[in-house]
Amino acid sequence: MTQVREDRAALFSNLQSRQIQAAFFARVADDVDWAVQGTHPLAGRYRGKKAFMGPTFDRSAGVLPESAGLRVDHLFVDGNTTIAELVADSRTNEGAGSITATAGCAGSTVT
């Protein structure tokens, strides 16, 4: 595993728990171009960290009794582009289960 790939794997592992998610977002550039794939309500393209946080993490905080713990299933790194397949290991207030979301960060998004 290359040093960059190891760094990205460690970085994305910070999304596993609400207590350490800030460490992930502290290293994501403010002008990140983020695409979340899928047919769930959080799917879409987000340009900028603030544009991403509100509709995703802030929104889900109201419907998840616990944090949206995200685990990395697959990670692709090529230069400044990182694509992570993330699985949400959480349940909604209504009892709905996990979703899989593929999120891509492109450009110089990690500091």
Protein backbone atom coordinates (compact mmCIF):
# COMPACT_ATOMS: atom_id res chain seq x y z
CA MET A 1 0.00 0.00 0.00
CA THR A 2 1.39 3.41 -0.93
CA GLN A 3 1.82 6.18 1.61
CA VAL A 4 -0.93 8.27 -0.05
CA ARG A 5 -3.36 5.34 -0.05
CA GLU A 6 -2.56 4.57 3.61
CA ASP A 7 -3.15 8.22 4.47
CA ARG A 8 -6.53 8.27 2.66
CA ALA A 9 -7.60 4.99 4.29
CA ALA A 10 -6.74 6.39 7.73
CA LEU A 11 -8.47 9.68 6.88
CA PHE A 12 -11.73 8.05 5.75
CA SER A 13 -11.69 5.75 8.80
CA ASN A 14 -12.40 8.90 10.83
CA LEU A 15 -15.97 8.75 9.49
CA GLN A 16 -16.73 5.63 11.56
CA SER A 17 -17.76 7.57 14.65
CA ARG A 18 -19.30 10.98 15.31
CA GLN A 19 -16.65 11.55 17.98
CA ILE A 20 -13.82 11.57 15.41
CA GLN A 21 -15.58 12.79 12.24
CA ALA A 22 -14.27 16.31 12.81
CA ALA A 23 -10.75 14.99 12.16
CA PHE A 24 -11.89 13.95 8.68
CA PHE A 25 -13.55 17.26 7.80
CA ALA A 26 -10.63 19.28 9.17
CA ARG A 27 -8.53 17.89 6.30
CA VAL A 28 -11.11 18.27 3.54
CA ALA A 29 -10.70 21.41 1.45
CA ASP A 30 -13.48 23.99 1.65
CA ASP A 31 -13.98 23.81 -2.15
CA VAL A 32 -14.29 20.00 -2.32
CA ASP A 33 -16.31 18.63 -5.23
CA TRP A 34 -18.20 15.73 -3.69
CA ALA A 35 -20.50 13.26 -5.45
CA VAL A 36 -22.64 10.83 -3.46
CA GLN A 37 -24.07 8.07 -5.65
CA GLY A 38 -27.26 6.13 -5.03
CA THR A 39 -31.03 6.48 -4.96
CA HIS A 40 -31.30 7.54 -1.33
CA PRO A 41 -32.19 11.11 -0.24
CA LEU A 42 -28.54 12.07 0.37
CA ALA A 43 -27.43 11.26 -3.19
CA GLY A 44 -26.25 14.17 -5.27
CA ARG A 45 -23.32 16.39 -6.17
CA TYR A 46 -22.09 18.86 -3.59
CA ARG A 47 -19.68 21.67 -4.41
CA GLY A 48 -17.99 22.83 -1.24
CA LYS A 49 -17.70 21.45 2.27
CA LYS A 50 -20.54 23.61 3.61
CA ALA A 51 -22.81 22.56 0.74
CA PHE A 52 -22.09 18.94 1.64
CA MET A 53 -22.38 19.12 5.43
CA GLY A 54 -25.87 20.63 5.67
CA PRO A 55 -27.79 18.23 3.42
CA THR A 56 -25.89 15.13 4.56
CA PHE A 57 -24.34 14.98 8.03
CA ASP A 58 -26.40 17.78 9.59
CA ARG A 59 -29.62 16.43 8.03
CA SER A 60 -29.01 12.85 9.11
CA ALA A 61 -28.32 13.89 12.71
CA GLY A 62 -32.06 14.55 13.08
CA VAL A 63 -33.17 11.10 11.94
CA LEU A 64 -30.44 8.88 13.35
CA PRO A 65 -30.51 8.22 17.09
CA GLU A 66 -26.80 7.47 16.89
CA SER A 67 -24.20 8.91 14.53
CA ALA A 68 -24.01 7.85 10.92
CA GLY A 69 -21.05 5.55 11.37
CA LEU A 70 -19.53 5.12 7.93
CA ARG A 71 -17.20 2.27 7.15
CA VAL A 72 -15.02 2.11 4.04
CA ASP A 73 -15.70 -0.97 1.91
CA HIS A 74 -13.59 0.05 -1.09
CA LEU A 75 -11.08 2.84 -1.66
CA PHE A 76 -9.67 4.10 -4.96
CA VAL A 77 -6.84 6.64 -4.96
CA ASP A 78 -5.31 8.18 -8.08
CA GLY A 79 -3.33 11.39 -7.61
CA ASN A 80 -5.59 13.98 -5.99
CA THR A 81 -8.74 11.93 -6.54
CA THR A 82 -10.11 9.63 -3.88
CA ILE A 83 -13.25 7.55 -4.30
CA ALA A 84 -14.59 5.73 -1.27
CA GLU A 85 -17.47 3.29 -1.09
CA LEU A 86 -18.94 3.92 2.33
CA VAL A 87 -21.56 1.87 4.16
CA ALA A 88 -23.67 3.53 6.82
CA ASP A 89 -23.93 1.24 9.83
CA SER A 90 -26.86 2.85 11.58
CA ARG A 91 -30.62 2.72 11.95
CA THR A 92 -33.09 5.54 11.54
CA ASN A 93 -35.61 6.50 14.22
CA GLU A 94 -38.12 4.37 12.26
CA GLY A 95 -35.80 1.34 12.24
CA ALA A 96 -34.62 1.43 8.61
CA GLY A 97 -31.20 -0.18 8.14
CA SER A 98 -27.90 0.49 6.43
CA ILE A 99 -27.37 2.16 3.10
CA THR A 100 -24.38 2.03 0.78
CA ALA A 101 -23.12 5.31 -0.60
CA THR A 102 -20.27 5.83 -3.01
CA ALA A 103 -18.63 9.16 -2.40
CA GLY A 104 -15.97 10.71 -4.55
CA CYS A 105 -13.71 13.61 -3.71
CA ALA A 106 -11.84 15.11 -6.65
CA GLY A 107 -9.07 17.64 -7.03
CA SER A 108 -6.88 18.92 -4.20
CA THR A 109 -9.44 18.12 -1.58
CA VAL A 110 -7.24 16.81 1.20
CA THR A 111 -4.75 18.93 3.07
